[in-house]
């Protein structure tokens, strides 16, 4: 019985430690230009990478908590360093919800591809790419659903081209983000798992 209690405590402490560490990385990325790469009037980001790592290494709860931190800092940054389109990120459905979902989705994507491929590196790489896609589709999907014409007008373009413009942003930002995430997530997760053995 004592062993079981001890195991549960160390499991909880480890989860808290990993959440704190990855959350701290998200804070650093969120408070500095490191987490955001300007692409025209929008920003590509690498802030979703700690979320995916947390989900793979420690499970969906840790992933979702790190995603929450990412979302909160995305919201804060939209207020403290505004761009013409920052108003969309004032809505938590755009700035926070999709980021929480990255952690949940990444965990199950990783579990599925681990069983399907039987290859650790491949399953981690796919999770990095698809976890990034969850972020891109989640954020831009919400932007399109809630602010399509207003968002495109803020870019100085015709609101009639909303779908084309938002899709273009998704491709321009999303593809580089997916590629970078595949590389970093694979290297980081493999290194963490190697240290734990």
C-alpha atoms as a PDB file:
ATOM      1  CA  UNK A   1       0.000   0.000   0.000  1.00  0.00           C
ATOM      2  CA  UNK A   2       2.803   2.442   0.900  1.00  0.00           C
ATOM      3  CA  UNK A   3       4.521   1.674  -2.412  1.00  0.00           C
ATOM      4  CA  UNK A   4       1.317   2.460  -4.320  1.00  0.00           C
ATOM      5  CA  UNK A   5       0.899   5.812  -2.533  1.00  0.00           C
ATOM      6  CA  UNK A   6       4.567   6.629  -3.176  1.00  0.00           C
ATOM      7  CA  UNK A   7       4.218   5.776  -6.888  1.00  0.00           C
ATOM      8  CA  UNK A   8       1.115   7.949  -7.218  1.00  0.00           C
ATOM      9  CA  UNK A   9       2.873  10.856  -5.485  1.00  0.00           C
ATOM     10  CA  UNK A  10       5.995  10.637  -7.660  1.00  0.00           C
ATOM     11  CA  UNK A  11       3.808  10.329 -10.779  1.00  0.00           C
ATOM     12  CA  UNK A  12       1.923  13.504  -9.819  1.00  0.00           C
ATOM     13  CA  UNK A  13       5.099  15.366  -8.905  1.00  0.00           C
ATOM     14  CA  UNK A  14       6.713  14.369 -12.213  1.00  0.00           C
ATOM     15  CA  UNK A  15       3.688  15.570 -14.148  1.00  0.00           C
ATOM     16  CA  UNK A  16       3.735  18.860 -12.276  1.00  0.00           C
ATOM     17  CA  UNK A  17       7.474  19.263 -12.890  1.00  0.00           C
ATOM     18  CA  UNK A  18       7.168  18.598 -16.627  1.00  0.00           C
ATOM     19  CA  UNK A  19       4.172  20.937 -16.900  1.00  0.00           C
ATOM     20  CA  UNK A  20       6.148  23.637 -15.068  1.00  0.00           C
ATOM     21  CA  UNK A  21       9.223  23.169 -17.239  1.00  0.00           C
ATOM     22  CA  UNK A  22       7.350  23.160 -20.553  1.00  0.00           C
ATOM     23  CA  UNK A  23       5.101  25.943 -19.304  1.00  0.00           C
ATOM     24  CA  UNK A  24       8.196  28.005 -18.515  1.00  0.00           C
ATOM     25  CA  UNK A  25       9.475  27.410 -22.052  1.00  0.00           C
ATOM     26  CA  UNK A  26       6.090  28.564 -23.380  1.00  0.00           C
ATOM     27  CA  UNK A  27       6.294  31.677 -21.190  1.00  0.00           C
ATOM     28  CA  UNK A  28       9.767  32.509 -22.526  1.00  0.00           C
ATOM     29  CA  UNK A  29       8.594  31.954 -26.094  1.00  0.00           C
ATOM     30  CA  UNK A  30       5.445  33.980 -25.433  1.00  0.00           C
ATOM     31  CA  UNK A  31       7.251  36.932 -23.853  1.00  0.00           C
ATOM     32  CA  UNK A  32      10.005  37.165 -26.456  1.00  0.00           C
ATOM     33  CA  UNK A  33      10.124  37.212 -30.248  1.00  0.00           C
ATOM     34  CA  UNK A  34      11.499  33.648 -30.132  1.00  0.00           C
ATOM     35  CA  UNK A  35       8.004  32.128 -30.107  1.00  0.00           C
ATOM     36  CA  UNK A  36       6.625  34.129 -33.009  1.00  0.00           C
ATOM     37  CA  UNK A  37       8.019  34.465 -36.502  1.00  0.00           C
ATOM     38  CA  UNK A  38       6.483  37.405 -38.407  1.00  0.00           C
ATOM     39  CA  UNK A  39       5.128  36.378 -41.821  1.00  0.00           C
ATOM     40  CA  UNK A  40       3.595  39.503 -43.373  1.00  0.00           C
ATOM     41  CA  UNK A  41       0.865  40.823 -41.043  1.00  0.00           C
ATOM     42  CA  UNK A  42       0.558  37.486 -39.220  1.00  0.00           C
ATOM     43  CA  UNK A  43       2.889  35.369 -37.083  1.00  0.00           C
ATOM     44  CA  UNK A  44       4.051  31.808 -37.548  1.00  0.00           C
ATOM     45  CA  UNK A  45       4.758  30.214 -34.180  1.00  0.00           C
ATOM     46  CA  UNK A  46       6.806  27.506 -32.518  1.00  0.00           C
ATOM     47  CA  UNK A  47       4.955  27.885 -29.202  1.00  0.00           C
ATOM     48  CA  UNK A  48       2.903  24.763 -29.915  1.00  0.00           C
ATOM     49  CA  UNK A  49       6.016  22.551 -29.786  1.00  0.00           C
ATOM     50  CA  UNK A  50       6.209  22.305 -25.950  1.00  0.00           C
ATOM     51  CA  UNK A  51       2.502  21.372 -25.971  1.00  0.00           C
ATOM     52  CA  UNK A  52       3.109  18.438 -28.323  1.00  0.00           C
ATOM     53  CA  UNK A  53       6.181  17.323 -26.378  1.00  0.00           C
ATOM     54  CA  UNK A  54       4.236  17.428 -23.108  1.00  0.00           C
ATOM     55  CA  UNK A  55       1.391  15.367 -24.570  1.00  0.00           C
ATOM     56  CA  UNK A  56       3.727  12.685 -25.938  1.00  0.00           C
ATOM     57  CA  UNK A  57       5.966  12.440 -22.891  1.00  0.00           C
ATOM     58  CA  UNK A  58       3.440  12.827 -20.052  1.00  0.00           C
ATOM     59  CA  UNK A  59      -0.045  12.439 -21.530  1.00  0.00           C
ATOM     60  CA  UNK A  60      -3.056  14.558 -22.456  1.00  0.00           C
ATOM     61  CA  UNK A  61      -3.491  16.443 -19.155  1.00  0.00           C
ATOM     62  CA  UNK A  62       0.058  17.811 -19.221  1.00  0.00           C
ATOM     63  CA  UNK A  63      -0.307  18.590 -22.930  1.00  0.00           C
ATOM     64  CA  UNK A  64      -3.563  20.446 -22.325  1.00  0.00           C
ATOM     65  CA  UNK A  65      -2.114  22.437 -19.406  1.00  0.00           C
ATOM     66  CA  UNK A  66       0.895  23.519 -21.450  1.00  0.00           C
ATOM     67  CA  UNK A  67      -1.528  24.362 -24.275  1.00  0.00           C
ATOM     68  CA  UNK A  68      -3.504  26.515 -21.838  1.00  0.00           C
ATOM     69  CA  UNK A  69      -0.321  28.438 -20.999  1.00  0.00           C
ATOM     70  CA  UNK A  70       0.392  28.863 -24.726  1.00  0.00           C
ATOM     71  CA  UNK A  71      -3.141  30.163 -25.280  1.00  0.00           C
ATOM     72  CA  UNK A  72      -3.013  32.611 -22.384  1.00  0.00           C
ATOM     73  CA  UNK A  73       0.250  34.081 -23.634  1.00  0.00           C
ATOM     74  CA  UNK A  74      -1.146  34.300 -27.139  1.00  0.00           C
ATOM     75  CA  UNK A  75      -4.034  36.311 -25.691  1.00  0.00           C
ATOM     76  CA  UNK A  76      -1.677  38.502 -23.637  1.00  0.00           C
ATOM     77  CA  UNK A  77       0.599  39.121 -26.617  1.00  0.00           C
ATOM     78  CA  UNK A  78      -2.358  40.172 -28.776  1.00  0.00           C
ATOM     79  CA  UNK A  79      -3.085  42.884 -26.203  1.00  0.00           C
ATOM     80  CA  UNK A  80       0.482  44.005 -25.393  1.00  0.00           C
ATOM     81  CA  UNK A  81       1.955  43.808 -28.915  1.00  0.00           C
ATOM     82  CA  UNK A  82      -1.033  44.356 -31.204  1.00  0.00           C
ATOM     83  CA  UNK A  83      -1.094  44.008 -34.967  1.00  0.00           C
ATOM     84  CA  UNK A  84      -4.024  44.923 -37.253  1.00  0.00           C
ATOM     85  CA  UNK A  85      -5.494  41.436 -36.729  1.00  0.00           C
ATOM     86  CA  UNK A  86      -4.881  41.055 -32.980  1.00  0.00           C
ATOM     87  CA  UNK A  87      -8.552  41.592 -32.167  1.00  0.00           C
ATOM     88  CA  UNK A  88      -9.353  38.006 -33.193  1.00  0.00           C
ATOM     89  CA  UNK A  89      -7.079  36.671 -30.433  1.00  0.00           C
ATOM     90  CA  UNK A  90      -8.952  38.613 -27.749  1.00  0.00           C
ATOM     91  CA  UNK A  91     -11.555  35.868 -28.054  1.00  0.00           C
ATOM     92  CA  UNK A  92     -10.510  32.759 -26.012  1.00  0.00           C
ATOM     93  CA  UNK A  93     -12.218  30.557 -28.629  1.00  0.00           C
ATOM     94  CA  UNK A  94      -9.463  31.644 -31.017  1.00  0.00           C
ATOM     95  CA  UNK A  95      -6.474  32.159 -28.720  1.00  0.00           C
ATOM     96  CA  UNK A  96      -6.958  29.495 -26.019  1.00  0.00           C
ATOM     97  CA  UNK A  97      -9.327  26.653 -26.988  1.00  0.00           C
ATOM     98  CA  UNK A  98      -7.399  25.419 -30.080  1.00  0.00           C
ATOM     99  CA  UNK A  99      -4.149  25.446 -28.063  1.00  0.00           C
ATOM    100  CA  UNK A 100      -5.659  23.242 -25.337  1.00  0.00           C
ATOM    101  CA  UNK A 101      -6.892  20.856 -28.038  1.00  0.00           C
ATOM    102  CA  UNK A 102      -3.315  20.474 -29.375  1.00  0.00           C
ATOM    103  CA  UNK A 103      -2.383  18.622 -26.167  1.00  0.00           C
ATOM    104  CA  UNK A 104      -5.417  16.351 -26.265  1.00  0.00           C
ATOM    105  CA  UNK A 105      -5.157  15.536 -29.973  1.00  0.00           C
ATOM    106  CA  UNK A 106      -1.360  15.059 -29.951  1.00  0.00           C
ATOM    107  CA  UNK A 107      -1.556  12.408 -27.240  1.00  0.00           C
ATOM    108  CA  UNK A 108      -4.085  10.300 -29.169  1.00  0.00           C
ATOM    109  CA  UNK A 109      -2.336  10.872 -32.510  1.00  0.00           C
ATOM    110  CA  UNK A 110       0.904   9.607 -30.969  1.00  0.00           C
ATOM    111  CA  UNK A 111      -0.803   6.554 -29.421  1.00  0.00           C
ATOM    112  CA  UNK A 112      -2.488   5.692 -32.728  1.00  0.00           C
ATOM    113  CA  UNK A 113       0.654   5.989 -34.874  1.00  0.00           C
ATOM    114  CA  UNK A 114       2.811   4.200 -32.295  1.00  0.00           C
ATOM    115  CA  UNK A 115       0.605   1.146 -32.723  1.00  0.00           C
ATOM    116  CA  UNK A 116       0.117   1.603 -36.470  1.00  0.00           C
ATOM    117  CA  UNK A 117       3.775   2.127 -37.465  1.00  0.00           C
ATOM    118  CA  UNK A 118       5.669   0.351 -34.649  1.00  0.00           C
ATOM    119  CA  UNK A 119       8.345   2.980 -35.282  1.00  0.00           C
ATOM    120  CA  UNK A 120       9.049   5.498 -32.525  1.00  0.00           C
ATOM    121  CA  UNK A 121      10.734   8.190 -34.653  1.00  0.00           C
ATOM    122  CA  UNK A 122       8.048   8.038 -37.350  1.00  0.00           C
ATOM    123  CA  UNK A 123       5.183   8.202 -34.849  1.00  0.00           C
ATOM    124  CA  UNK A 124       6.778  11.162 -33.028  1.00  0.00           C
ATOM    125  CA  UNK A 125       7.419  13.005 -36.317  1.00  0.00           C
ATOM    126  CA  UNK A 126       3.856  12.460 -37.518  1.00  0.00           C
ATOM    127  CA  UNK A 127       2.552  13.668 -34.154  1.00  0.00           C
ATOM    128  CA  UNK A 128       4.679  16.822 -34.452  1.00  0.00           C
ATOM    129  CA  UNK A 129       3.220  17.526 -37.901  1.00  0.00           C
ATOM    130  CA  UNK A 130      -0.405  16.696 -37.077  1.00  0.00           C
ATOM    131  CA  UNK A 131      -0.282  18.440 -33.690  1.00  0.00           C
ATOM    132  CA  UNK A 132       0.809  21.560 -35.565  1.00  0.00           C
ATOM    133  CA  UNK A 133      -2.045  21.065 -38.025  1.00  0.00           C
ATOM    134  CA  UNK A 134      -4.517  20.964 -35.107  1.00  0.00           C
ATOM    135  CA  UNK A 135      -3.196  24.387 -34.037  1.00  0.00           C
ATOM    136  CA  UNK A 136      -3.351  25.862 -37.545  1.00  0.00           C
ATOM    137  CA  UNK A 137      -6.798  24.491 -38.406  1.00  0.00           C
ATOM    138  CA  UNK A 138      -8.172  25.235 -34.941  1.00  0.00           C
ATOM    139  CA  UNK A 139      -7.093  28.874 -34.878  1.00  0.00           C
ATOM    140  CA  UNK A 140      -7.812  29.713 -38.513  1.00  0.00           C
ATOM    141  CA  UNK A 141     -11.045  27.700 -38.473  1.00  0.00           C
ATOM    142  CA  UNK A 142     -12.268  29.777 -35.531  1.00  0.00           C
ATOM    143  CA  UNK A 143     -11.104  32.986 -37.212  1.00  0.00           C
ATOM    144  CA  UNK A 144     -13.016  32.040 -40.358  1.00  0.00           C
ATOM    145  CA  UNK A 145     -16.152  31.023 -38.445  1.00  0.00           C
ATOM    146  CA  UNK A 146     -16.230  34.089 -36.187  1.00  0.00           C
ATOM    147  CA  UNK A 147     -14.437  36.946 -37.957  1.00  0.00           C
ATOM    148  CA  UNK A 148     -13.882  36.039 -41.641  1.00  0.00           C
ATOM    149  CA  UNK A 149     -14.760  39.337 -43.363  1.00  0.00           C
ATOM    150  CA  UNK A 150     -13.595  41.593 -40.527  1.00  0.00           C
ATOM    151  CA  UNK A 151     -10.266  39.702 -40.339  1.00  0.00           C
ATOM    152  CA  UNK A 152      -9.601  39.943 -44.076  1.00  0.00           C
ATOM    153  CA  UNK A 153     -10.676  43.610 -44.147  1.00  0.00           C
ATOM    154  CA  UNK A 154      -8.148  44.321 -41.358  1.00  0.00           C
ATOM    155  CA  UNK A 155      -5.479  42.992 -43.730  1.00  0.00           C
ATOM    156  CA  UNK A 156      -6.630  45.546 -46.310  1.00  0.00           C
ATOM    157  CA  UNK A 157      -8.193  42.920 -48.565  1.00  0.00           C
ATOM    158  CA  UNK A 158     -11.709  42.263 -49.813  1.00  0.00           C
ATOM    159  CA  UNK A 159     -13.920  40.343 -47.383  1.00  0.00           C
ATOM    160  CA  UNK A 160     -15.309  38.373 -50.345  1.00  0.00           C
ATOM    161  CA  UNK A 161     -11.963  36.570 -50.601  1.00  0.00           C
ATOM    162  CA  UNK A 162     -12.005  35.491 -46.931  1.00  0.00           C
ATOM    163  CA  UNK A 163     -11.712  31.753 -47.538  1.00  0.00           C
ATOM    164  CA  UNK A 164      -8.890  32.150 -50.064  1.00  0.00           C
ATOM    165  CA  UNK A 165      -6.943  34.596 -47.839  1.00  0.00           C
ATOM    166  CA  UNK A 166      -7.318  32.528 -44.640  1.00  0.00           C
ATOM    167  CA  UNK A 167      -6.431  29.312 -46.490  1.00  0.00           C
ATOM    168  CA  UNK A 168      -3.359  31.049 -47.919  1.00  0.00           C
ATOM    169  CA  UNK A 169      -2.246  32.064 -44.415  1.00  0.00           C
ATOM    170  CA  UNK A 170      -2.765  28.473 -43.273  1.00  0.00           C
ATOM    171  CA  UNK A 171      -0.525  27.131 -46.025  1.00  0.00           C
ATOM    172  CA  UNK A 172       2.129  29.883 -45.740  1.00  0.00           C
ATOM    173  CA  UNK A 173       2.437  29.581 -41.954  1.00  0.00           C
ATOM    174  CA  UNK A 174       1.327  25.996 -41.401  1.00  0.00           C
ATOM    175  CA  UNK A 175       3.751  24.131 -43.668  1.00  0.00           C
ATOM    176  CA  UNK A 176       6.958  25.653 -42.217  1.00  0.00           C
ATOM    177  CA  UNK A 177       5.540  25.191 -38.687  1.00  0.00           C
ATOM    178  CA  UNK A 178       4.818  21.505 -39.406  1.00  0.00           C
ATOM    179  CA  UNK A 179       8.315  20.887 -40.759  1.00  0.00           C
ATOM    180  CA  UNK A 180      10.030  22.624 -37.824  1.00  0.00           C
ATOM    181  CA  UNK A 181       7.791  20.803 -35.328  1.00  0.00           C
ATOM    182  CA  UNK A 182       8.602  17.399 -36.851  1.00  0.00           C
ATOM    183  CA  UNK A 183      12.330  18.023 -36.417  1.00  0.00           C
ATOM    184  CA  UNK A 184      12.281  19.578 -32.932  1.00  0.00           C
ATOM    185  CA  UNK A 185       9.609  17.305 -31.417  1.00  0.00           C
ATOM    186  CA  UNK A 186      11.333  14.152 -32.701  1.00  0.00           C
ATOM    187  CA  UNK A 187      14.756  15.219 -31.380  1.00  0.00           C
ATOM    188  CA  UNK A 188      13.399  16.440 -28.027  1.00  0.00           C
ATOM    189  CA  UNK A 189      11.158  13.450 -27.272  1.00  0.00           C
ATOM    190  CA  UNK A 190      13.846  10.936 -28.235  1.00  0.00           C
ATOM    191  CA  UNK A 191      16.361  12.750 -26.002  1.00  0.00           C
ATOM    192  CA  UNK A 192      13.911  12.836 -23.059  1.00  0.00           C
ATOM    193  CA  UNK A 193      13.080   9.144 -23.421  1.00  0.00           C
ATOM    194  CA  UNK A 194      16.766   8.255 -23.689  1.00  0.00           C
ATOM    195  CA  UNK A 195      17.547  10.129 -20.451  1.00  0.00           C
ATOM    196  CA  UNK A 196      14.708   8.307 -18.666  1.00  0.00           C
ATOM    197  CA  UNK A 197      15.932   4.808 -19.592  1.00  0.00           C
END
